[in-house]
């Protein structure tokens, strides 16, 4: 979805108040979806999704889980096909076996026919027609639930109370929020809560004496910028675009001209880099990150035991 997160999603205000009637439509729609007939599968399934719209670290977590379990199971990654999410599809296919179709249930049936043992789905918590063995809801540790309202008055795809339907919550990012964790446990006493942080994997490819221009078109650019600052990148200019933005040559040329005139190196995310043409990629570097999970052994044991 090509959208920049509206500022009014951060707090309850006049705009969110005006949009509340439309949020009621979303809530009613989700209510009726909850009565969908469930489809069951022989293949084991883990669905990694979110309640907050975009930028919660679900794709890095999918890759991490795949890396953790690929020696226990013959794994496959499932992603619903969206034209504007080629970047995520490319990253998933780079690091794992990917089936990407317009319908998740068909993708799962194909995975079964190919004798895969475990399907890890990137997104799909709101697809109430599918039964998952394990469902994981990701949150950005800085944004959490924003103003707590459902789309379009707020950033939530469904009410936070629906955390009751899920097995695990992941808080991804630098901040910790014990109060929020207690709220989640109050809503779902059986919920397992884990934390993870983003760590760069290719720091040696950068010269830290350089000054940088940062650009990105992701769900939560602030988290990317905070990661760069944590590792002492000298950021002089920041340019943000909507999530999954398809860069035009004029966009990249403007970025390169601005960087050249200010004697800056250019850095972006791996997702953004994957959306660029070979010509556009010239003189642009990307930061390759992975999630490091606190209590990773405990999380892995939980997955294996529940599967």
C-alpha atoms as a PDB file:
ATOM      1  CA  UNK A   1       0.000   0.000   0.000  1.00  0.00           C
ATOM      2  CA  UNK A   2       1.511   3.314  -1.084  1.00  0.00           C
ATOM      3  CA  UNK A   3       0.817   5.523   1.876  1.00  0.00           C
ATOM      4  CA  UNK A   4       2.699   7.890   4.121  1.00  0.00           C
ATOM      5  CA  UNK A   5       1.592   7.520   7.695  1.00  0.00           C
ATOM      6  CA  UNK A   6      -0.648  10.499   8.552  1.00  0.00           C
ATOM      7  CA  UNK A   7       0.540  12.505  11.542  1.00  0.00           C
ATOM      8  CA  UNK A   8      -2.959  12.488  13.046  1.00  0.00           C
ATOM      9  CA  UNK A   9      -2.638   8.732  13.587  1.00  0.00           C
ATOM     10  CA  UNK A  10      -0.279   9.472  16.486  1.00  0.00           C
ATOM     11  CA  UNK A  11      -2.941  10.956  18.780  1.00  0.00           C
ATOM     12  CA  UNK A  12      -6.683  11.387  19.154  1.00  0.00           C
ATOM     13  CA  UNK A  13      -7.570  14.684  17.503  1.00  0.00           C
ATOM     14  CA  UNK A  14     -10.209  16.491  15.468  1.00  0.00           C
ATOM     15  CA  UNK A  15      -9.385  14.680  12.221  1.00  0.00           C
ATOM     16  CA  UNK A  16      -9.509  11.239  13.814  1.00  0.00           C
ATOM     17  CA  UNK A  17     -12.801  12.204  15.478  1.00  0.00           C
ATOM     18  CA  UNK A  18     -14.282  13.110  12.074  1.00  0.00           C
ATOM     19  CA  UNK A  19     -13.170   9.757  10.654  1.00  0.00           C
ATOM     20  CA  UNK A  20     -14.555   7.636  13.488  1.00  0.00           C
ATOM     21  CA  UNK A  21     -17.805   6.748  11.625  1.00  0.00           C
ATOM     22  CA  UNK A  22     -15.715   5.263   8.812  1.00  0.00           C
ATOM     23  CA  UNK A  23     -13.717   3.273  11.348  1.00  0.00           C
ATOM     24  CA  UNK A  24     -16.991   1.757  12.503  1.00  0.00           C
ATOM     25  CA  UNK A  25     -17.421   0.384   8.987  1.00  0.00           C
ATOM     26  CA  UNK A  26     -13.995  -1.297   9.269  1.00  0.00           C
ATOM     27  CA  UNK A  27     -14.939  -2.790  12.639  1.00  0.00           C
ATOM     28  CA  UNK A  28     -18.234  -4.165  11.298  1.00  0.00           C
ATOM     29  CA  UNK A  29     -16.487  -5.579   8.232  1.00  0.00           C
ATOM     30  CA  UNK A  30     -13.916  -7.320  10.443  1.00  0.00           C
ATOM     31  CA  UNK A  31     -16.697  -8.656  12.671  1.00  0.00           C
ATOM     32  CA  UNK A  32     -18.401 -10.414   9.776  1.00  0.00           C
ATOM     33  CA  UNK A  33     -15.046 -11.717   8.498  1.00  0.00           C
ATOM     34  CA  UNK A  34     -14.561 -13.458  11.837  1.00  0.00           C
ATOM     35  CA  UNK A  35     -17.398 -15.825  10.921  1.00  0.00           C
ATOM     36  CA  UNK A  36     -15.592 -17.053   7.774  1.00  0.00           C
ATOM     37  CA  UNK A  37     -15.468 -20.818   7.329  1.00  0.00           C
ATOM     38  CA  UNK A  38     -11.964 -21.940   8.225  1.00  0.00           C
ATOM     39  CA  UNK A  39      -9.794 -23.814   5.734  1.00  0.00           C
ATOM     40  CA  UNK A  40      -7.429 -26.357   7.263  1.00  0.00           C
ATOM     41  CA  UNK A  41      -4.188 -27.676   5.817  1.00  0.00           C
ATOM     42  CA  UNK A  42      -1.937 -30.672   6.317  1.00  0.00           C
ATOM     43  CA  UNK A  43       1.130 -28.463   6.104  1.00  0.00           C
ATOM     44  CA  UNK A  44       2.161 -26.706   9.329  1.00  0.00           C
ATOM     45  CA  UNK A  45       1.660 -22.942   9.200  1.00  0.00           C
ATOM     46  CA  UNK A  46       3.090 -19.878  10.924  1.00  0.00           C
ATOM     47  CA  UNK A  47       1.542 -16.528  10.004  1.00  0.00           C
ATOM     48  CA  UNK A  48       3.543 -13.377  10.760  1.00  0.00           C
ATOM     49  CA  UNK A  49       1.422 -10.255  10.385  1.00  0.00           C
ATOM     50  CA  UNK A  50       0.524  -7.029  12.076  1.00  0.00           C
ATOM     51  CA  UNK A  51      -2.356  -5.026  13.478  1.00  0.00           C
ATOM     52  CA  UNK A  52      -0.637  -1.655  12.991  1.00  0.00           C
ATOM     53  CA  UNK A  53      -0.521  -0.769   9.298  1.00  0.00           C
ATOM     54  CA  UNK A  54       3.002  -1.208   7.932  1.00  0.00           C
ATOM     55  CA  UNK A  55       6.524  -0.871   9.289  1.00  0.00           C
ATOM     56  CA  UNK A  56       6.439  -3.471  12.070  1.00  0.00           C
ATOM     57  CA  UNK A  57       9.274  -5.786  10.999  1.00  0.00           C
ATOM     58  CA  UNK A  58       7.206  -8.759   9.876  1.00  0.00           C
ATOM     59  CA  UNK A  59       9.304  -9.564   6.788  1.00  0.00           C
ATOM     60  CA  UNK A  60      12.624  -9.641   8.715  1.00  0.00           C
ATOM     61  CA  UNK A  61      10.915 -11.852  11.314  1.00  0.00           C
ATOM     62  CA  UNK A  62       9.659 -14.223   8.596  1.00  0.00           C
ATOM     63  CA  UNK A  63      13.220 -14.582   7.320  1.00  0.00           C
ATOM     64  CA  UNK A  64      14.529 -15.085  10.850  1.00  0.00           C
ATOM     65  CA  UNK A  65      11.996 -17.825  11.587  1.00  0.00           C
ATOM     66  CA  UNK A  66      12.800 -19.506   8.282  1.00  0.00           C
ATOM     67  CA  UNK A  67      16.499 -19.455   9.148  1.00  0.00           C
ATOM     68  CA  UNK A  68      15.771 -20.876  12.611  1.00  0.00           C
ATOM     69  CA  UNK A  69      13.568 -23.755  11.452  1.00  0.00           C
ATOM     70  CA  UNK A  70      14.847 -24.721   8.000  1.00  0.00           C
ATOM     71  CA  UNK A  71      16.911 -27.544   9.486  1.00  0.00           C
ATOM     72  CA  UNK A  72      13.896 -28.975  11.333  1.00  0.00           C
ATOM     73  CA  UNK A  73      11.374 -28.667   8.515  1.00  0.00           C
ATOM     74  CA  UNK A  74      11.316 -28.359   4.746  1.00  0.00           C
ATOM     75  CA  UNK A  75      10.166 -24.729   4.707  1.00  0.00           C
ATOM     76  CA  UNK A  76       8.420 -22.511   2.194  1.00  0.00           C
ATOM     77  CA  UNK A  77       7.531 -18.816   2.362  1.00  0.00           C
ATOM     78  CA  UNK A  78       4.045 -17.670   1.341  1.00  0.00           C
ATOM     79  CA  UNK A  79       3.285 -14.117   0.240  1.00  0.00           C
ATOM     80  CA  UNK A  80       0.050 -12.826  -1.286  1.00  0.00           C
ATOM     81  CA  UNK A  81       0.828 -11.262  -4.647  1.00  0.00           C
ATOM     82  CA  UNK A  82       0.527  -7.492  -4.778  1.00  0.00           C
ATOM     83  CA  UNK A  83       1.894  -5.542  -7.739  1.00  0.00           C
ATOM     84  CA  UNK A  84       3.243  -2.776  -5.493  1.00  0.00           C
ATOM     85  CA  UNK A  85       5.105  -5.170  -3.150  1.00  0.00           C
ATOM     86  CA  UNK A  86       7.684  -6.575  -5.568  1.00  0.00           C
ATOM     87  CA  UNK A  87      10.418  -5.383  -3.190  1.00  0.00           C
ATOM     88  CA  UNK A  88       9.308  -7.680  -0.373  1.00  0.00           C
ATOM     89  CA  UNK A  89       8.717 -10.567  -2.798  1.00  0.00           C
ATOM     90  CA  UNK A  90      12.252 -10.205  -4.169  1.00  0.00           C
ATOM     91  CA  UNK A  91      13.791 -10.232  -0.697  1.00  0.00           C
ATOM     92  CA  UNK A  92      11.801 -13.296   0.367  1.00  0.00           C
ATOM     93  CA  UNK A  93      12.729 -15.216  -2.796  1.00  0.00           C
ATOM     94  CA  UNK A  94      16.381 -14.269  -2.289  1.00  0.00           C
ATOM     95  CA  UNK A  95      16.572 -15.916   1.124  1.00  0.00           C
ATOM     96  CA  UNK A  96      14.037 -18.749   0.900  1.00  0.00           C
ATOM     97  CA  UNK A  97      11.662 -20.797  -1.247  1.00  0.00           C
ATOM     98  CA  UNK A  98       8.747 -18.492  -2.118  1.00  0.00           C
ATOM     99  CA  UNK A  99       5.259 -19.158  -3.452  1.00  0.00           C
ATOM    100  CA  UNK A 100       3.606 -15.862  -4.310  1.00  0.00           C
ATOM    101  CA  UNK A 101       0.028 -16.009  -5.615  1.00  0.00           C
ATOM    102  CA  UNK A 102      -3.134 -13.918  -5.446  1.00  0.00           C
ATOM    103  CA  UNK A 103      -4.770 -16.436  -3.088  1.00  0.00           C
ATOM    104  CA  UNK A 104      -3.014 -17.759   0.005  1.00  0.00           C
ATOM    105  CA  UNK A 105      -5.081 -20.954   0.180  1.00  0.00           C
ATOM    106  CA  UNK A 106      -4.021 -21.968  -3.348  1.00  0.00           C
ATOM    107  CA  UNK A 107      -0.390 -21.225  -2.454  1.00  0.00           C
ATOM    108  CA  UNK A 108      -0.704 -23.474   0.602  1.00  0.00           C
ATOM    109  CA  UNK A 109      -2.236 -26.314  -1.461  1.00  0.00           C
ATOM    110  CA  UNK A 110       0.661 -26.049  -3.910  1.00  0.00           C
ATOM    111  CA  UNK A 111       3.101 -26.141  -0.991  1.00  0.00           C
ATOM    112  CA  UNK A 112       1.432 -29.327   0.221  1.00  0.00           C
ATOM    113  CA  UNK A 113       1.722 -30.949  -3.226  1.00  0.00           C
ATOM    114  CA  UNK A 114       5.421 -30.062  -3.273  1.00  0.00           C
ATOM    115  CA  UNK A 115       5.814 -31.840   0.084  1.00  0.00           C
ATOM    116  CA  UNK A 116       6.854 -28.797   2.085  1.00  0.00           C
ATOM    117  CA  UNK A 117       6.415 -29.364   5.814  1.00  0.00           C
ATOM    118  CA  UNK A 118       6.176 -25.799   7.103  1.00  0.00           C
ATOM    119  CA  UNK A 119       4.752 -22.677   5.459  1.00  0.00           C
ATOM    120  CA  UNK A 120       5.707 -19.292   6.910  1.00  0.00           C
ATOM    121  CA  UNK A 121       3.304 -16.597   5.747  1.00  0.00           C
ATOM    122  CA  UNK A 122       4.361 -12.977   5.414  1.00  0.00           C
ATOM    123  CA  UNK A 123       1.138 -11.157   6.323  1.00  0.00           C
ATOM    124  CA  UNK A 124      -2.327 -12.712   6.511  1.00  0.00           C
ATOM    125  CA  UNK A 125      -3.562 -12.320  10.091  1.00  0.00           C
ATOM    126  CA  UNK A 126      -6.642 -10.522   8.775  1.00  0.00           C
ATOM    127  CA  UNK A 127      -7.435 -13.408   6.412  1.00  0.00           C
ATOM    128  CA  UNK A 128      -9.895 -15.117   8.739  1.00  0.00           C
ATOM    129  CA  UNK A 129     -10.658 -17.922   6.271  1.00  0.00           C
ATOM    130  CA  UNK A 130      -7.345 -19.674   7.015  1.00  0.00           C
ATOM    131  CA  UNK A 131      -6.412 -21.687  10.071  1.00  0.00           C
ATOM    132  CA  UNK A 132      -2.840 -21.164  11.286  1.00  0.00           C
ATOM    133  CA  UNK A 133      -0.916 -23.346  13.722  1.00  0.00           C
ATOM    134  CA  UNK A 134       0.846 -20.260  15.082  1.00  0.00           C
ATOM    135  CA  UNK A 135      -0.158 -16.623  14.588  1.00  0.00           C
ATOM    136  CA  UNK A 136       2.285 -13.818  15.358  1.00  0.00           C
ATOM    137  CA  UNK A 137       1.402 -10.116  15.542  1.00  0.00           C
ATOM    138  CA  UNK A 138       4.296  -7.667  15.110  1.00  0.00           C
ATOM    139  CA  UNK A 139       4.475  -4.177  16.573  1.00  0.00           C
ATOM    140  CA  UNK A 140       7.003  -1.421  16.085  1.00  0.00           C
ATOM    141  CA  UNK A 141       8.289  -0.666  19.566  1.00  0.00           C
ATOM    142  CA  UNK A 142       8.200   3.085  18.936  1.00  0.00           C
ATOM    143  CA  UNK A 143       4.777   3.386  17.299  1.00  0.00           C
ATOM    144  CA  UNK A 144       2.962   0.572  19.171  1.00  0.00           C
ATOM    145  CA  UNK A 145      -0.709   1.246  18.247  1.00  0.00           C
ATOM    146  CA  UNK A 146      -0.566   4.995  17.565  1.00  0.00           C
ATOM    147  CA  UNK A 147      -3.819   6.596  18.691  1.00  0.00           C
ATOM    148  CA  UNK A 148      -5.336   3.128  19.137  1.00  0.00           C
ATOM    149  CA  UNK A 149      -8.070   3.642  16.545  1.00  0.00           C
ATOM    150  CA  UNK A 150      -9.010   1.499  13.579  1.00  0.00           C
ATOM    151  CA  UNK A 151      -8.553   2.652   9.975  1.00  0.00           C
ATOM    152  CA  UNK A 152      -9.042   5.316   8.743  1.00  0.00           C
ATOM    153  CA  UNK A 153      -9.237   7.255  12.036  1.00  0.00           C
ATOM    154  CA  UNK A 154      -6.122   5.449  13.230  1.00  0.00           C
ATOM    155  CA  UNK A 155      -3.431   3.061  12.009  1.00  0.00           C
ATOM    156  CA  UNK A 156      -4.970  -0.227  13.180  1.00  0.00           C
ATOM    157  CA  UNK A 157      -6.200  -2.826  10.697  1.00  0.00           C
ATOM    158  CA  UNK A 158      -8.362  -4.297  13.477  1.00  0.00           C
ATOM    159  CA  UNK A 159      -9.080  -3.554  17.115  1.00  0.00           C
ATOM    160  CA  UNK A 160      -6.241  -4.172  19.544  1.00  0.00           C
ATOM    161  CA  UNK A 161      -8.661  -6.375  21.517  1.00  0.00           C
ATOM    162  CA  UNK A 162      -8.312  -8.897  18.683  1.00  0.00           C
ATOM    163  CA  UNK A 163      -4.876  -9.758  20.064  1.00  0.00           C
ATOM    164  CA  UNK A 164      -6.911 -12.380  21.920  1.00  0.00           C
ATOM    165  CA  UNK A 165      -6.971 -14.358  18.650  1.00  0.00           C
ATOM    166  CA  UNK A 166      -3.187 -14.577  18.351  1.00  0.00           C
ATOM    167  CA  UNK A 167      -0.460 -16.664  19.953  1.00  0.00           C
ATOM    168  CA  UNK A 168       2.569 -14.379  19.958  1.00  0.00           C
ATOM    169  CA  UNK A 169       3.300 -10.652  19.948  1.00  0.00           C
ATOM    170  CA  UNK A 170       6.654  -9.303  18.798  1.00  0.00           C
ATOM    171  CA  UNK A 171       7.890  -5.824  19.738  1.00  0.00           C
ATOM    172  CA  UNK A 172      10.530  -4.939  17.161  1.00  0.00           C
ATOM    173  CA  UNK A 173      12.815  -1.935  17.593  1.00  0.00           C
ATOM    174  CA  UNK A 174      14.970  -0.095  20.085  1.00  0.00           C
ATOM    175  CA  UNK A 175      12.411   0.950  22.676  1.00  0.00           C
ATOM    176  CA  UNK A 176      10.932  -1.140  25.455  1.00  0.00           C
ATOM    177  CA  UNK A 177       7.444  -0.549  26.797  1.00  0.00           C
ATOM    178  CA  UNK A 178       6.490  -2.642  29.795  1.00  0.00           C
ATOM    179  CA  UNK A 179       3.167  -0.835  30.124  1.00  0.00           C
ATOM    180  CA  UNK A 180       2.141  -1.853  26.613  1.00  0.00           C
ATOM    181  CA  UNK A 181       3.220  -5.443  27.242  1.00  0.00           C
ATOM    182  CA  UNK A 182       1.028  -5.505  30.354  1.00  0.00           C
ATOM    183  CA  UNK A 183      -1.905  -4.225  28.289  1.00  0.00           C
ATOM    184  CA  UNK A 184      -1.416  -7.036  25.774  1.00  0.00           C
ATOM    185  CA  UNK A 185      -1.232  -9.636  28.558  1.00  0.00           C
ATOM    186  CA  UNK A 186      -4.379  -8.246  30.119  1.00  0.00           C
ATOM    187  CA  UNK A 187      -6.199  -8.644  26.801  1.00  0.00           C
ATOM    188  CA  UNK A 188      -4.726 -12.115  26.236  1.00  0.00           C
ATOM    189  CA  UNK A 189      -3.223 -13.806  29.325  1.00  0.00           C
ATOM    190  CA  UNK A 190      -1.951 -16.702  27.169  1.00  0.00           C
ATOM    191  CA  UNK A 191      -0.051 -14.422  24.792  1.00  0.00           C
ATOM    192  CA  UNK A 192       3.689 -14.992  24.453  1.00  0.00           C
ATOM    193  CA  UNK A 193       5.617 -11.720  24.109  1.00  0.00           C
ATOM    194  CA  UNK A 194       9.085 -11.425  22.606  1.00  0.00           C
ATOM    195  CA  UNK A 195      11.322  -8.501  21.694  1.00  0.00           C
ATOM    196  CA  UNK A 196      13.776  -8.025  18.845  1.00  0.00           C
ATOM    197  CA  UNK A 197      16.112  -5.314  17.581  1.00  0.00           C
ATOM    198  CA  UNK A 198      17.480  -4.469  14.148  1.00  0.00           C
ATOM    199  CA  UNK A 199      21.176  -5.118  13.553  1.00  0.00           C
ATOM    200  CA  UNK A 200      23.142  -4.212  10.400  1.00  0.00           C
ATOM    201  CA  UNK A 201      24.969  -7.037   8.617  1.00  0.00           C
ATOM    202  CA  UNK A 202      27.146  -5.041   6.203  1.00  0.00           C
ATOM    203  CA  UNK A 203      28.671  -2.226   8.274  1.00  0.00           C
ATOM    204  CA  UNK A 204      32.142  -2.955   6.897  1.00  0.00           C
ATOM    205  CA  UNK A 205      31.050  -1.743   3.462  1.00  0.00           C
ATOM    206  CA  UNK A 206      30.637   1.844   4.732  1.00  0.00           C
ATOM    207  CA  UNK A 207      33.150   4.562   5.558  1.00  0.00           C
ATOM    208  CA  UNK A 208      32.023   6.295   8.719  1.00  0.00           C
ATOM    209  CA  UNK A 209      33.964   9.445   7.956  1.00  0.00           C
ATOM    210  CA  UNK A 210      31.448  10.076   5.132  1.00  0.00           C
ATOM    211  CA  UNK A 211      28.330  12.211   5.433  1.00  0.00           C
ATOM    212  CA  UNK A 212      25.121  10.624   4.182  1.00  0.00           C
ATOM    213  CA  UNK A 213      21.878  11.422   2.450  1.00  0.00           C
ATOM    214  CA  UNK A 214      19.224   8.914   3.529  1.00  0.00           C
ATOM    215  CA  UNK A 215      16.146   8.109   1.479  1.00  0.00           C
ATOM    216  CA  UNK A 216      13.490   5.466   1.979  1.00  0.00           C
ATOM    217  CA  UNK A 217       9.952   4.491   1.077  1.00  0.00           C
ATOM    218  CA  UNK A 218       8.987   2.087   3.841  1.00  0.00           C
ATOM    219  CA  UNK A 219       6.244   1.776   6.431  1.00  0.00           C
ATOM    220  CA  UNK A 220       8.338   3.181   9.270  1.00  0.00           C
ATOM    221  CA  UNK A 221      11.299   5.265   8.066  1.00  0.00           C
ATOM    222  CA  UNK A 222      11.965   6.560  11.590  1.00  0.00           C
ATOM    223  CA  UNK A 223      13.115   3.120  12.755  1.00  0.00           C
ATOM    224  CA  UNK A 224      15.589   2.948   9.852  1.00  0.00           C
ATOM    225  CA  UNK A 225      16.921   6.402  10.674  1.00  0.00           C
ATOM    226  CA  UNK A 226      17.299   5.494  14.354  1.00  0.00           C
ATOM    227  CA  UNK A 227      19.263   2.376  13.417  1.00  0.00           C
ATOM    228  CA  UNK A 228      21.640   4.470  11.300  1.00  0.00           C
ATOM    229  CA  UNK A 229      22.135   6.945  14.133  1.00  0.00           C
ATOM    230  CA  UNK A 230      22.738   4.133  16.614  1.00  0.00           C
ATOM    231  CA  UNK A 231      25.649   2.950  14.487  1.00  0.00           C
ATOM    232  CA  UNK A 232      27.100   6.473  14.153  1.00  0.00           C
ATOM    233  CA  UNK A 233      26.204   7.249  10.550  1.00  0.00           C
ATOM    234  CA  UNK A 234      26.561  10.981   9.907  1.00  0.00           C
ATOM    235  CA  UNK A 235      23.145  11.837   8.475  1.00  0.00           C
ATOM    236  CA  UNK A 236      22.887  15.254   6.861  1.00  0.00           C
ATOM    237  CA  UNK A 237      19.741  14.959   4.759  1.00  0.00           C
ATOM    238  CA  UNK A 238      16.661  12.709   4.932  1.00  0.00           C
ATOM    239  CA  UNK A 239      14.112  12.161   2.166  1.00  0.00           C
ATOM    240  CA  UNK A 240      11.040   9.960   2.661  1.00  0.00           C
ATOM    241  CA  UNK A 241       8.550   8.526   0.190  1.00  0.00           C
ATOM    242  CA  UNK A 242       5.314   6.515   0.631  1.00  0.00           C
ATOM    243  CA  UNK A 243       5.582   2.817   1.514  1.00  0.00           C
ATOM    244  CA  UNK A 244       6.431   0.612  -1.517  1.00  0.00           C
ATOM    245  CA  UNK A 245       7.021   3.717  -3.623  1.00  0.00           C
ATOM    246  CA  UNK A 246       8.032   3.038  -7.224  1.00  0.00           C
ATOM    247  CA  UNK A 247      10.919   5.376  -7.922  1.00  0.00           C
ATOM    248  CA  UNK A 248      10.985   7.357 -11.134  1.00  0.00           C
ATOM    249  CA  UNK A 249      14.258   8.259 -12.807  1.00  0.00           C
ATOM    250  CA  UNK A 250      13.578  11.900 -11.926  1.00  0.00           C
ATOM    251  CA  UNK A 251      13.331  10.989  -8.210  1.00  0.00           C
ATOM    252  CA  UNK A 252      16.690   9.234  -8.217  1.00  0.00           C
ATOM    253  CA  UNK A 253      18.337  11.911 -10.346  1.00  0.00           C
ATOM    254  CA  UNK A 254      17.160  14.580  -7.895  1.00  0.00           C
ATOM    255  CA  UNK A 255      18.536  12.549  -4.981  1.00  0.00           C
ATOM    256  CA  UNK A 256      21.890  12.052  -6.693  1.00  0.00           C
ATOM    257  CA  UNK A 257      22.169  15.711  -7.679  1.00  0.00           C
ATOM    258  CA  UNK A 258      21.364  16.819  -4.132  1.00  0.00           C
ATOM    259  CA  UNK A 259      23.940  14.391  -2.729  1.00  0.00           C
ATOM    260  CA  UNK A 260      26.592  15.518  -5.210  1.00  0.00           C
ATOM    261  CA  UNK A 261      26.072  19.211  -4.523  1.00  0.00           C
ATOM    262  CA  UNK A 262      26.382  18.597  -0.776  1.00  0.00           C
ATOM    263  CA  UNK A 263      29.209  16.033  -1.043  1.00  0.00           C
ATOM    264  CA  UNK A 264      27.098  13.276   0.512  1.00  0.00           C
ATOM    265  CA  UNK A 265      27.057   9.510   0.068  1.00  0.00           C
ATOM    266  CA  UNK A 266      23.640   7.942  -0.517  1.00  0.00           C
ATOM    267  CA  UNK A 267      22.179   5.172   1.627  1.00  0.00           C
ATOM    268  CA  UNK A 268      18.779   3.461   1.612  1.00  0.00           C
ATOM    269  CA  UNK A 269      17.098   0.261   2.833  1.00  0.00           C
ATOM    270  CA  UNK A 270      17.461  -3.142   1.200  1.00  0.00           C
ATOM    271  CA  UNK A 271      13.751  -3.025   0.297  1.00  0.00           C
ATOM    272  CA  UNK A 272      14.144   0.309  -1.443  1.00  0.00           C
ATOM    273  CA  UNK A 273      17.312  -0.820  -3.202  1.00  0.00           C
ATOM    274  CA  UNK A 274      15.411  -3.798  -4.617  1.00  0.00           C
ATOM    275  CA  UNK A 275      12.907  -1.428  -6.230  1.00  0.00           C
ATOM    276  CA  UNK A 276      15.597   0.373  -8.216  1.00  0.00           C
ATOM    277  CA  UNK A 277      16.724  -0.410 -11.738  1.00  0.00           C
ATOM    278  CA  UNK A 278      20.360  -1.363 -12.313  1.00  0.00           C
ATOM    279  CA  UNK A 279      21.074   2.115 -13.621  1.00  0.00           C
ATOM    280  CA  UNK A 280      19.361   3.768 -10.651  1.00  0.00           C
ATOM    281  CA  UNK A 281      21.402   1.646  -8.207  1.00  0.00           C
ATOM    282  CA  UNK A 282      24.682   3.207  -9.318  1.00  0.00           C
ATOM    283  CA  UNK A 283      26.398   5.066  -6.428  1.00  0.00           C
ATOM    284  CA  UNK A 284      23.670   4.036  -3.964  1.00  0.00           C
ATOM    285  CA  UNK A 285      24.384   1.777  -0.986  1.00  0.00           C
ATOM    286  CA  UNK A 286      21.891  -0.064   1.188  1.00  0.00           C
ATOM    287  CA  UNK A 287      21.975  -1.171   4.792  1.00  0.00           C
ATOM    288  CA  UNK A 288      21.313  -4.876   5.143  1.00  0.00           C
ATOM    289  CA  UNK A 289      19.651  -5.617   8.475  1.00  0.00           C
ATOM    290  CA  UNK A 290      18.466  -8.610  10.431  1.00  0.00           C
ATOM    291  CA  UNK A 291      16.399  -9.042  13.563  1.00  0.00           C
ATOM    292  CA  UNK A 292      18.127 -10.296  16.669  1.00  0.00           C
ATOM    293  CA  UNK A 293      15.625 -11.825  19.035  1.00  0.00           C
ATOM    294  CA  UNK A 294      15.933 -11.553  22.778  1.00  0.00           C
ATOM    295  CA  UNK A 295      15.470 -15.020  24.290  1.00  0.00           C
ATOM    296  CA  UNK A 296      15.835 -16.552  20.825  1.00  0.00           C
ATOM    297  CA  UNK A 297      16.288 -20.076  22.180  1.00  0.00           C
ATOM    298  CA  UNK A 298      13.060 -19.774  24.168  1.00  0.00           C
ATOM    299  CA  UNK A 299      11.215 -18.535  21.066  1.00  0.00           C
ATOM    300  CA  UNK A 300      12.586 -21.338  18.905  1.00  0.00           C
ATOM    301  CA  UNK A 301      11.633 -23.972  21.487  1.00  0.00           C
ATOM    302  CA  UNK A 302       8.134 -22.504  21.658  1.00  0.00           C
ATOM    303  CA  UNK A 303       7.702 -22.762  17.874  1.00  0.00           C
ATOM    304  CA  UNK A 304       9.009 -26.327  17.633  1.00  0.00           C
ATOM    305  CA  UNK A 305       6.882 -27.502  20.556  1.00  0.00           C
ATOM    306  CA  UNK A 306       3.676 -25.872  19.248  1.00  0.00           C
ATOM    307  CA  UNK A 307       4.181 -27.170  15.706  1.00  0.00           C
END
